[in-house]
Protein backbone atom coordinates (compact mmCIF):
# COMPACT_ATOMS: atom_id res chain seq x y z
CA MET A 1 0.00 0.00 0.00
CA SER A 2 1.22 3.48 -0.73
CA SER A 3 1.38 6.00 2.04
CA ILE A 4 -0.60 9.19 1.62
CA SER A 5 1.25 12.35 2.57
CA LYS A 6 -0.14 14.97 4.91
CA GLU A 7 -0.53 17.42 2.02
CA GLU A 8 -2.68 14.97 0.07
CA LYS A 9 -4.87 14.29 3.11
CA SER A 10 -5.25 18.01 3.72
CA LEU A 11 -6.19 18.60 0.10
CA GLU A 12 -8.69 15.75 0.20
CA LEU A 13 -10.29 17.15 3.35
CA ARG A 14 -10.54 20.64 1.83
CA ILE A 15 -12.14 19.25 -1.34
CA PHE A 16 -14.62 17.22 0.74
CA VAL A 17 -15.57 20.25 2.83
CA PHE A 18 -15.98 22.37 -0.31
CA LEU A 19 -18.24 19.78 -1.92
CA THR A 20 -20.40 19.16 1.15
CA VAL A 21 -20.60 22.69 2.57
CA PHE A 22 -20.70 24.82 -0.58
CA LEU A 23 -21.29 22.93 -3.81
CA ALA A 24 -24.04 20.47 -2.81
CA PRO A 25 -26.28 23.09 -1.13
CA LEU A 26 -25.71 25.56 -3.97
CA LEU A 27 -26.66 22.98 -6.60
CA SER A 28 -29.71 21.95 -4.57
CA VAL A 29 -30.94 25.55 -4.29
CA LEU A 30 -30.34 26.15 -8.00
CA LEU A 31 -32.16 22.97 -8.96
CA VAL A 32 -35.20 23.70 -6.79
CA SER A 33 -35.26 27.35 -7.88
CA GLY A 34 -35.02 26.38 -11.53
CA LEU A 35 -37.85 23.89 -11.20
CA GLY A 36 -40.01 26.42 -9.38
CA PHE A 37 -39.32 29.03 -12.04
CA ALA A 38 -40.15 26.57 -14.83
CA ILE A 39 -43.48 25.67 -13.19
CA TRP A 40 -44.30 29.33 -12.53
CA PHE A 41 -43.49 30.33 -16.10
CA SER A 42 -45.45 27.42 -17.59
CA GLN A 43 -48.46 28.49 -15.53
CA ILE A 44 -48.13 32.03 -16.87
CA LEU A 45 -48.30 30.67 -20.41
CA THR A 46 -50.91 27.92 -19.97
CA GLY A 47 -52.86 28.95 -16.88
CA PRO A 48 -53.18 27.06 -13.61
CA PRO A 49 -53.87 23.32 -13.60
CA GLY A 50 -57.51 22.46 -14.17
CA ALA A 51 -58.42 25.82 -15.67
CA GLY A 52 -59.00 24.41 -19.14
């Protein structure tokens, strides 16, 4: 087995923290916001469900 240096472990920890603290929540908010916007905009164009 190869030994992992302290620098590599530190880099791995920083990448993990970046992904879990910043990137995952940001992507979740963008995804939910985008879906909400798409539904809102489609209802502007077609009217609310059941209105037809």
